[in-house]
Amino acid sequence: MSFFISDALAQAAPTSVQPGFEGMLFPAGILLFFYFLFIRPQAKRTKEQKQMLAALDKGAEVVTSGGILGKVIDLDENFVKLEVFENSFILVQRHQIANMMPKGTYKTLNNKKPKI
């Protein structure tokens, strides 16, 4: 018997109902919601990116994830050699290619004279 803390009196425990199938519907619904909201679209984007990189060939005009526009001159399993300006080449990792551009994009942008 404590002076500051009152003694707890034992009470009869209420009869609890174990959650059955109905108790699993809400968590399963949340998991399904997150699958369709996050996991499935990301997997779809990854699949499309792999298909685009597999279809990459010489002469394709691409944009890197850093925003560099170039024309594919040479490629192997890991690296791509891009021409970014006349006789100016850079090597980038193959997985850094973000998008393929329509034919002629590189040529039209390269022919424009910079304003000084």
N, C-alpha and C. Protein backbone atom coordinates (compact mmCIF):
# COMPACT_ATOMS: atom_id res chain seq x y z
N MET A 1 0.83 -1.17 0.00
CA MET A 1 0.00 0.00 0.00
C MET A 1 0.88 1.24 0.00
N SER A 2 0.78 1.93 -1.05
CA SER A 2 1.58 3.11 -1.21
C SER A 2 0.76 4.34 -0.86
N PHE A 3 1.46 5.32 -0.38
CA PHE A 3 0.78 6.53 0.03
C PHE A 3 0.36 7.38 -1.18
N PHE A 4 1.22 7.44 -2.22
CA PHE A 4 0.96 8.29 -3.39
C PHE A 4 0.26 7.55 -4.53
N ILE A 5 0.44 6.26 -4.61
CA ILE A 5 -0.13 5.49 -5.71
C ILE A 5 -1.24 4.62 -5.15
N SER A 6 -2.40 4.72 -5.76
CA SER A 6 -3.51 3.92 -5.27
C SER A 6 -3.35 2.49 -5.78
N ASP A 7 -3.84 1.59 -5.03
CA ASP A 7 -3.74 0.19 -5.40
C ASP A 7 -4.70 -0.10 -6.55
N ALA A 8 -4.25 -0.93 -7.46
CA ALA A 8 -5.09 -1.32 -8.58
C ALA A 8 -5.96 -2.48 -8.14
N LEU A 9 -7.19 -2.37 -8.50
CA LEU A 9 -8.11 -3.43 -8.16
C LEU A 9 -8.30 -4.32 -9.38
N ALA A 10 -8.28 -5.59 -9.14
CA ALA A 10 -8.43 -6.53 -10.25
C ALA A 10 -9.85 -6.47 -10.77
N GLN A 11 -9.94 -6.40 -12.07
CA GLN A 11 -11.25 -6.40 -12.70
C GLN A 11 -11.35 -7.61 -13.61
N ALA A 12 -12.51 -8.00 -13.84
CA ALA A 12 -12.71 -9.12 -14.75
C ALA A 12 -12.38 -8.66 -16.16
N ALA A 13 -11.57 -9.43 -16.84
CA ALA A 13 -11.16 -9.08 -18.20
C ALA A 13 -12.35 -9.22 -19.13
N PRO A 14 -12.56 -8.22 -19.99
CA PRO A 14 -13.68 -8.34 -20.93
C PRO A 14 -13.40 -9.45 -21.92
N THR A 15 -14.41 -10.08 -22.35
CA THR A 15 -14.22 -11.13 -23.34
C THR A 15 -13.87 -10.47 -24.66
N SER A 16 -12.71 -10.77 -25.16
CA SER A 16 -12.24 -10.15 -26.41
C SER A 16 -12.52 -11.08 -27.57
N VAL A 17 -12.85 -10.48 -28.67
CA VAL A 17 -13.12 -11.23 -29.88
C VAL A 17 -11.87 -11.19 -30.73
N GLN A 18 -11.39 -12.32 -31.10
CA GLN A 18 -10.20 -12.39 -31.95
C GLN A 18 -10.57 -11.95 -33.36
N PRO A 19 -9.74 -11.07 -33.96
CA PRO A 19 -10.05 -10.64 -35.33
C PRO A 19 -9.86 -11.80 -36.29
N GLY A 20 -10.79 -11.97 -37.12
CA GLY A 20 -10.73 -13.03 -38.11
C GLY A 20 -10.41 -12.46 -39.47
N PHE A 21 -11.09 -12.93 -40.46
CA PHE A 21 -10.88 -12.48 -41.83
C PHE A 21 -11.19 -10.99 -41.97
N GLU A 22 -12.20 -10.53 -41.25
CA GLU A 22 -12.59 -9.12 -41.33
C GLU A 22 -11.50 -8.20 -40.81
N GLY A 23 -10.75 -8.66 -39.82
CA GLY A 23 -9.66 -7.86 -39.26
C GLY A 23 -8.47 -7.74 -40.20
N MET A 24 -8.37 -8.60 -41.19
CA MET A 24 -7.25 -8.56 -42.13
C MET A 24 -7.58 -7.77 -43.39
N LEU A 25 -8.83 -7.39 -43.58
CA LEU A 25 -9.21 -6.66 -44.79
C LEU A 25 -8.56 -5.29 -44.88
N PHE A 26 -8.55 -4.56 -43.80
CA PHE A 26 -7.98 -3.20 -43.83
C PHE A 26 -6.47 -3.22 -44.09
N PRO A 27 -5.66 -4.01 -43.37
CA PRO A 27 -4.22 -4.05 -43.69
C PRO A 27 -3.95 -4.56 -45.11
N ALA A 28 -4.73 -5.54 -45.56
CA ALA A 28 -4.54 -6.04 -46.91
C ALA A 28 -4.90 -4.96 -47.93
N GLY A 29 -5.92 -4.19 -47.65
CA GLY A 29 -6.30 -3.09 -48.53
C GLY A 29 -5.22 -2.03 -48.62
N ILE A 30 -4.60 -1.73 -47.49
CA ILE A 30 -3.51 -0.75 -47.48
C ILE A 30 -2.33 -1.25 -48.30
N LEU A 31 -1.96 -2.52 -48.13
CA LEU A 31 -0.86 -3.09 -48.90
C LEU A 31 -1.16 -3.07 -50.39
N LEU A 32 -2.37 -3.40 -50.76
CA LEU A 32 -2.76 -3.38 -52.16
C LEU A 32 -2.72 -1.96 -52.72
N PHE A 33 -3.17 -1.00 -51.94
CA PHE A 33 -3.14 0.40 -52.34
C PHE A 33 -1.70 0.86 -52.60
N PHE A 34 -0.78 0.56 -51.70
CA PHE A 34 0.61 0.96 -51.88
C PHE A 34 1.26 0.24 -53.05
N TYR A 35 0.87 -1.01 -53.29
CA TYR A 35 1.42 -1.73 -54.44
C TYR A 35 1.05 -1.01 -55.73
N PHE A 36 -0.23 -0.68 -55.91
CA PHE A 36 -0.66 -0.04 -57.14
C PHE A 36 -0.23 1.42 -57.23
N LEU A 37 0.03 2.05 -56.10
CA LEU A 37 0.42 3.46 -56.11
C LEU A 37 1.93 3.64 -56.32
N PHE A 38 2.75 2.76 -55.74
CA PHE A 38 4.20 2.97 -55.76
C PHE A 38 4.98 1.87 -56.48
N ILE A 39 4.76 0.64 -56.13
CA ILE A 39 5.62 -0.44 -56.60
C ILE A 39 5.40 -0.75 -58.07
N ARG A 40 4.16 -0.88 -58.49
CA ARG A 40 3.86 -1.24 -59.88
C ARG A 40 4.32 -0.18 -60.88
N PRO A 41 4.06 1.12 -60.66
CA PRO A 41 4.55 2.12 -61.62
C PRO A 41 6.07 2.17 -61.71
N GLN A 42 6.76 1.99 -60.58
CA GLN A 42 8.22 2.00 -60.61
C GLN A 42 8.77 0.82 -61.38
N ALA A 43 8.17 -0.34 -61.21
CA ALA A 43 8.60 -1.52 -61.96
C ALA A 43 8.35 -1.33 -63.46
N LYS A 44 7.26 -0.68 -63.81
CA LYS A 44 6.94 -0.42 -65.21
C LYS A 44 7.97 0.53 -65.83
N ARG A 45 8.34 1.60 -65.08
CA ARG A 45 9.34 2.54 -65.59
C ARG A 45 10.70 1.85 -65.76
N THR A 46 11.06 1.00 -64.82
CA THR A 46 12.33 0.28 -64.90
C THR A 46 12.35 -0.63 -66.12
N LYS A 47 11.25 -1.32 -66.39
CA LYS A 47 11.16 -2.20 -67.54
C LYS A 47 11.29 -1.41 -68.85
N GLU A 48 10.61 -0.26 -68.93
CA GLU A 48 10.69 0.57 -70.13
C GLU A 48 12.11 1.11 -70.34
N GLN A 49 12.79 1.47 -69.25
CA GLN A 49 14.17 1.98 -69.34
C GLN A 49 15.10 0.88 -69.86
N LYS A 50 14.93 -0.34 -69.38
CA LYS A 50 15.77 -1.45 -69.85
C LYS A 50 15.53 -1.74 -71.33
N GLN A 51 14.27 -1.67 -71.76
CA GLN A 51 13.96 -1.88 -73.17
C GLN A 51 14.56 -0.79 -74.04
N MET A 52 14.52 0.45 -73.56
CA MET A 52 15.08 1.56 -74.32
C MET A 52 16.60 1.41 -74.43
N LEU A 53 17.27 1.02 -73.36
CA LEU A 53 18.72 0.84 -73.41
C LEU A 53 19.11 -0.34 -74.28
N ALA A 54 18.28 -1.37 -74.33
CA ALA A 54 18.58 -2.52 -75.18
C ALA A 54 18.43 -2.15 -76.66
N ALA A 55 17.53 -1.23 -76.98
CA ALA A 55 17.30 -0.81 -78.36
C ALA A 55 18.26 0.28 -78.82
N LEU A 56 19.13 0.74 -77.94
CA LEU A 56 20.07 1.82 -78.26
C LEU A 56 21.07 1.33 -79.30
N ASP A 57 21.30 2.12 -80.35
CA ASP A 57 22.27 1.76 -81.37
C ASP A 57 22.98 3.01 -81.87
N LYS A 58 23.97 2.82 -82.73
CA LYS A 58 24.75 3.94 -83.27
C LYS A 58 23.84 4.87 -84.07
N GLY A 59 24.07 6.15 -83.92
CA GLY A 59 23.30 7.14 -84.65
C GLY A 59 22.08 7.65 -83.89
N ALA A 60 21.75 7.01 -82.78
CA ALA A 60 20.60 7.46 -81.99
C ALA A 60 20.94 8.76 -81.29
N GLU A 61 19.94 9.61 -81.15
CA GLU A 61 20.12 10.89 -80.46
C GLU A 61 19.49 10.76 -79.08
N VAL A 62 20.29 11.05 -78.06
CA VAL A 62 19.86 10.77 -76.68
C VAL A 62 20.13 11.97 -75.78
N VAL A 63 19.47 11.94 -74.64
CA VAL A 63 19.72 12.90 -73.57
C VAL A 63 20.13 12.10 -72.34
N THR A 64 21.20 12.53 -71.68
CA THR A 64 21.64 11.86 -70.47
C THR A 64 20.83 12.36 -69.28
N SER A 65 20.97 11.68 -68.15
CA SER A 65 20.26 12.12 -66.96
C SER A 65 20.79 13.45 -66.45
N GLY A 66 21.96 13.86 -66.90
CA GLY A 66 22.51 15.16 -66.56
C GLY A 66 22.06 16.26 -67.50
N GLY A 67 21.31 15.90 -68.55
CA GLY A 67 20.78 16.90 -69.47
C GLY A 67 21.63 17.16 -70.69
N ILE A 68 22.60 16.31 -70.95
CA ILE A 68 23.48 16.50 -72.11
C ILE A 68 22.87 15.81 -73.32
N LEU A 69 22.72 16.57 -74.41
CA LEU A 69 22.19 16.04 -75.66
C LEU A 69 23.36 15.61 -76.53
N GLY A 70 23.27 14.42 -77.10
CA GLY A 70 24.35 13.94 -77.94
C GLY A 70 23.89 12.86 -78.89
N LYS A 71 24.79 12.54 -79.80
CA LYS A 71 24.53 11.50 -80.79
C LYS A 71 25.45 10.32 -80.48
N VAL A 72 24.88 9.12 -80.46
CA VAL A 72 25.65 7.92 -80.12
C VAL A 72 26.60 7.61 -81.26
N ILE A 73 27.90 7.55 -80.94
CA ILE A 73 28.93 7.24 -81.92
C ILE A 73 29.38 5.79 -81.76
N ASP A 74 29.56 5.37 -80.52
CA ASP A 74 30.02 4.01 -80.25
C ASP A 74 29.42 3.59 -78.91
N LEU A 75 29.19 2.30 -78.76
CA LEU A 75 28.66 1.82 -77.49
C LEU A 75 29.11 0.39 -77.24
N ASP A 76 29.20 0.06 -75.96
CA ASP A 76 29.46 -1.32 -75.54
C ASP A 76 28.53 -1.64 -74.38
N GLU A 77 28.84 -2.67 -73.62
CA GLU A 77 27.95 -3.10 -72.55
C GLU A 77 27.77 -2.04 -71.46
N ASN A 78 28.84 -1.30 -71.14
CA ASN A 78 28.80 -0.39 -70.00
C ASN A 78 28.84 1.08 -70.36
N PHE A 79 29.47 1.44 -71.47
CA PHE A 79 29.68 2.85 -71.78
C PHE A 79 29.15 3.19 -73.17
N VAL A 80 28.82 4.48 -73.32
CA VAL A 80 28.35 5.02 -74.60
C VAL A 80 29.21 6.24 -74.92
N LYS A 81 29.70 6.29 -76.15
CA LYS A 81 30.47 7.45 -76.60
C LYS A 81 29.52 8.37 -77.34
N LEU A 82 29.38 9.60 -76.83
CA LEU A 82 28.46 10.58 -77.42
C LEU A 82 29.24 11.71 -78.06
N GLU A 83 28.75 12.15 -79.21
CA GLU A 83 29.27 13.36 -79.83
C GLU A 83 28.36 14.49 -79.37
N VAL A 84 28.91 15.43 -78.62
CA VAL A 84 28.10 16.52 -78.08
C VAL A 84 28.22 17.78 -78.93
N PHE A 85 29.27 17.89 -79.71
CA PHE A 85 29.47 18.97 -80.66
C PHE A 85 30.43 18.44 -81.71
N GLU A 86 30.66 19.19 -82.76
CA GLU A 86 31.54 18.71 -83.82
C GLU A 86 32.90 18.33 -83.24
N ASN A 87 33.26 17.07 -83.40
CA ASN A 87 34.53 16.50 -82.93
C ASN A 87 34.74 16.65 -81.43
N SER A 88 33.68 16.72 -80.67
CA SER A 88 33.75 16.73 -79.21
C SER A 88 32.98 15.52 -78.69
N PHE A 89 33.70 14.64 -78.00
CA PHE A 89 33.11 13.38 -77.56
C PHE A 89 33.21 13.26 -76.05
N ILE A 90 32.23 12.58 -75.48
CA ILE A 90 32.28 12.23 -74.05
C ILE A 90 31.84 10.77 -73.90
N LEU A 91 32.33 10.15 -72.84
CA LEU A 91 31.91 8.80 -72.49
C LEU A 91 30.98 8.88 -71.29
N VAL A 92 29.84 8.23 -71.38
CA VAL A 92 28.91 8.18 -70.26
C VAL A 92 28.55 6.72 -70.02
N GLN A 93 28.16 6.44 -68.79
CA GLN A 93 27.69 5.09 -68.49
C GLN A 93 26.37 4.86 -69.18
N ARG A 94 26.18 3.65 -69.62
CA ARG A 94 24.98 3.34 -70.41
C ARG A 94 23.69 3.59 -69.64
N HIS A 95 23.67 3.28 -68.35
CA HIS A 95 22.43 3.45 -67.58
C HIS A 95 22.12 4.92 -67.29
N GLN A 96 23.01 5.84 -67.65
CA GLN A 96 22.74 7.26 -67.46
C GLN A 96 22.00 7.89 -68.64
N ILE A 97 21.73 7.11 -69.67
CA ILE A 97 20.94 7.60 -70.79
C ILE A 97 19.49 7.68 -70.31
N ALA A 98 18.91 8.87 -70.35
CA ALA A 98 17.56 9.06 -69.81
C ALA A 98 16.49 8.90 -70.89
N ASN A 99 16.69 9.50 -72.06
CA ASN A 99 15.66 9.48 -73.11
C ASN A 99 16.31 9.41 -74.47
N MET A 100 15.56 8.84 -75.41
CA MET A 100 15.96 8.91 -76.81
C MET A 100 15.15 10.03 -77.46
N MET A 101 15.82 10.85 -78.22
CA MET A 101 15.18 11.99 -78.86
C MET A 101 14.81 11.64 -80.29
N PRO A 102 13.85 12.37 -80.88
CA PRO A 102 13.51 12.14 -82.29
C PRO A 102 14.69 12.47 -83.19
N LYS A 103 14.79 11.76 -84.30
CA LYS A 103 15.87 12.01 -85.26
C LYS A 103 15.83 13.46 -85.74
N GLY A 104 16.99 14.07 -85.80
CA GLY A 104 17.09 15.44 -86.28
C GLY A 104 17.21 16.46 -85.16
N THR A 105 16.94 16.08 -83.94
CA THR A 105 17.02 17.02 -82.81
C THR A 105 18.45 17.50 -82.61
N TYR A 106 19.39 16.58 -82.62
CA TYR A 106 20.80 16.91 -82.41
C TYR A 106 21.32 17.81 -83.52
N LYS A 107 20.94 17.51 -84.75
CA LYS A 107 21.43 18.27 -85.89
C LYS A 107 20.89 19.70 -85.88
N THR A 108 19.62 19.87 -85.59
CA THR A 108 19.04 21.22 -85.61
C THR A 108 19.60 22.07 -84.48
N LEU A 109 19.80 21.48 -83.31
CA LEU A 109 20.35 22.26 -82.20
C LEU A 109 21.83 22.55 -82.38
N ASN A 110 22.54 21.67 -83.08
CA ASN A 110 23.97 21.88 -83.31
C ASN A 110 24.22 22.94 -84.39
N ASN A 111 23.27 23.13 -85.29
CA ASN A 111 23.44 24.10 -86.37
C ASN A 111 23.14 25.53 -85.94
N LYS A 112 22.47 25.69 -84.82
CA LYS A 112 22.16 27.05 -84.35
C LYS A 112 23.43 27.74 -83.86
N LYS A 113 23.58 28.98 -84.23
CA LYS A 113 24.72 29.77 -83.79
C LYS A 113 24.42 30.33 -82.40
N PRO A 114 25.37 30.22 -81.45
CA PRO A 114 25.13 30.81 -80.13
C PRO A 114 25.12 32.32 -80.19
N LYS A 115 24.24 32.93 -79.40
CA LYS A 115 24.18 34.40 -79.35
C LYS A 115 25.24 34.89 -78.39
N ILE A 116 25.94 35.92 -78.85
CA ILE A 116 27.01 36.48 -78.00
C ILE A 116 26.66 37.89 -77.62
